[in-house]
Amino acid sequence: MSQSPQESTAFLHIVRVDIDPAYEQAFNRWYDEVHVPALLACPGWLSARRFISIEDGPKYAAIYDVAGDWAYDTPEFNAVKGFMEFTPHVRNFMRQRLRPVASS
């Protein structure tokens, strides 16, 4: 059973990937010009930032502020999630979700 927006707590949704260098330029253009705007048009997807790793692990990271678990259950999100035509060229996919530490 999904939680309603009122019952769900906001969190960070982090995605990290490597991309085949032959597709890197096209992937970055698609991510910035198509994917991020499409995600931010979905209910509950509040902000997005992209980063390049300066240490070990996948090269690219995207950090999203998400209003709650319910944001995964919308038709809008289901229509735009994933790497589309770049899926075969993505490696080392990692996803992590972080909630704020509760204050005492």
Protein backbone atom coordinates (compact mmCIF):
# COMPACT_ATOMS: atom_id res chain seq x y z
CA MET A 1 0.00 0.00 0.00
CA SER A 2 1.40 3.39 -0.97
CA GLN A 3 1.64 6.19 1.51
CA SER A 4 -0.23 9.38 0.85
CA PRO A 5 1.86 12.54 0.38
CA GLN A 6 0.92 13.57 3.92
CA GLU A 7 2.24 10.27 5.40
CA SER A 8 5.54 10.17 3.53
CA THR A 9 8.81 11.84 4.48
CA ALA A 10 11.05 13.64 2.01
CA PHE A 11 14.45 12.12 1.20
CA LEU A 12 17.41 12.28 -1.16
CA HIS A 13 17.48 9.91 -4.12
CA ILE A 14 21.04 9.41 -5.38
CA VAL A 15 21.94 7.72 -8.67
CA ARG A 16 25.55 6.96 -9.68
CA VAL A 17 26.63 5.53 -13.04
CA ASP A 18 29.44 5.14 -15.49
CA ILE A 19 28.71 5.50 -19.20
CA ASP A 20 30.55 4.05 -22.17
CA PRO A 21 32.92 6.84 -23.28
CA ALA A 22 31.67 6.54 -26.87
CA TYR A 23 28.22 7.70 -25.64
CA GLU A 24 29.29 10.07 -22.87
CA GLN A 25 28.70 13.37 -24.69
CA ALA A 26 25.26 12.33 -25.96
CA PHE A 27 24.35 10.88 -22.53
CA ASN A 28 25.24 14.11 -20.73
CA ARG A 29 23.29 16.21 -23.22
CA TRP A 30 20.25 13.90 -22.87
CA TYR A 31 20.53 13.84 -19.07
CA ASP A 32 20.71 17.64 -18.76
CA GLU A 33 18.29 18.61 -21.53
CA VAL A 34 15.72 15.80 -21.45
CA HIS A 35 15.92 13.53 -18.40
CA VAL A 36 16.30 16.05 -15.57
CA PRO A 37 13.54 18.37 -16.89
CA ALA A 38 11.25 15.35 -17.37
CA LEU A 39 11.85 14.14 -13.80
CA LEU A 40 11.34 17.61 -12.33
CA ALA A 41 7.98 17.79 -14.14
CA CYS A 42 6.85 14.71 -12.17
CA PRO A 43 4.86 15.22 -8.96
CA GLY A 44 7.11 14.94 -5.91
CA TRP A 45 10.46 15.38 -7.70
CA LEU A 46 11.57 18.68 -6.20
CA SER A 47 15.14 19.37 -7.32
CA ALA A 48 18.08 17.79 -9.11
CA ARG A 49 21.83 18.32 -9.14
CA ARG A 50 24.52 16.45 -11.09
CA PHE A 51 28.11 15.80 -10.08
CA ILE A 52 31.31 14.16 -11.34
CA SER A 53 33.18 11.97 -8.88
CA ILE A 54 36.64 13.07 -7.82
CA GLU A 55 37.25 9.72 -6.07
CA ASP A 56 36.57 6.04 -6.72
CA GLY A 57 33.21 4.75 -7.82
CA PRO A 58 30.97 5.60 -10.74
CA LYS A 59 31.92 8.84 -12.51
CA TYR A 60 28.49 10.52 -12.57
CA ALA A 61 26.12 11.20 -9.70
CA ALA A 62 22.69 12.80 -9.65
CA ILE A 63 21.08 13.86 -6.38
CA TYR A 64 17.34 14.47 -6.29
CA ASP A 65 15.14 15.85 -3.52
CA VAL A 66 12.00 13.70 -3.51
CA ALA A 67 8.86 14.52 -1.52
CA GLY A 68 8.16 10.92 -0.52
CA ASP A 69 7.88 7.30 -1.62
CA TRP A 70 4.59 8.10 -3.35
CA ALA A 71 6.56 10.01 -6.05
CA TYR A 72 7.67 6.63 -7.48
CA ASP A 73 4.05 5.61 -8.06
CA THR A 74 2.91 8.37 -10.40
CA PRO A 75 2.19 7.77 -14.10
CA GLU A 76 4.45 10.71 -14.91
CA PHE A 77 7.46 9.14 -13.19
CA ASN A 78 6.80 5.71 -14.68
CA ALA A 79 6.84 7.29 -18.15
CA VAL A 80 10.30 8.88 -17.73
CA LYS A 81 12.28 6.68 -15.33
CA GLY A 82 15.36 4.86 -16.53
CA PHE A 83 18.13 5.56 -19.01
CA MET A 84 16.08 4.99 -22.19
CA GLU A 85 18.32 4.45 -25.25
CA PHE A 86 21.44 4.71 -23.08
CA THR A 87 20.56 1.67 -20.93
CA PRO A 88 22.91 -0.71 -22.79
CA HIS A 89 25.79 1.75 -22.30
CA VAL A 90 25.34 2.38 -18.55
CA ARG A 91 27.65 0.52 -16.16
CA ASN A 92 28.07 0.37 -12.39
CA PHE A 93 24.56 1.64 -11.63
CA MET A 94 24.10 2.46 -7.95
CA ARG A 95 21.08 3.94 -6.22
CA GLN A 96 20.84 5.13 -2.65
CA ARG A 97 18.07 6.87 -0.75
CA LEU A 98 18.82 8.96 2.33
CA ARG A 99 16.41 10.36 4.91
CA PRO A 100 17.31 13.24 7.23
CA VAL A 101 18.54 12.35 10.69
CA ALA A 102 15.71 12.97 13.13
CA SER A 103 16.42 15.83 15.50
CA SER A 104 16.04 15.15 19.20
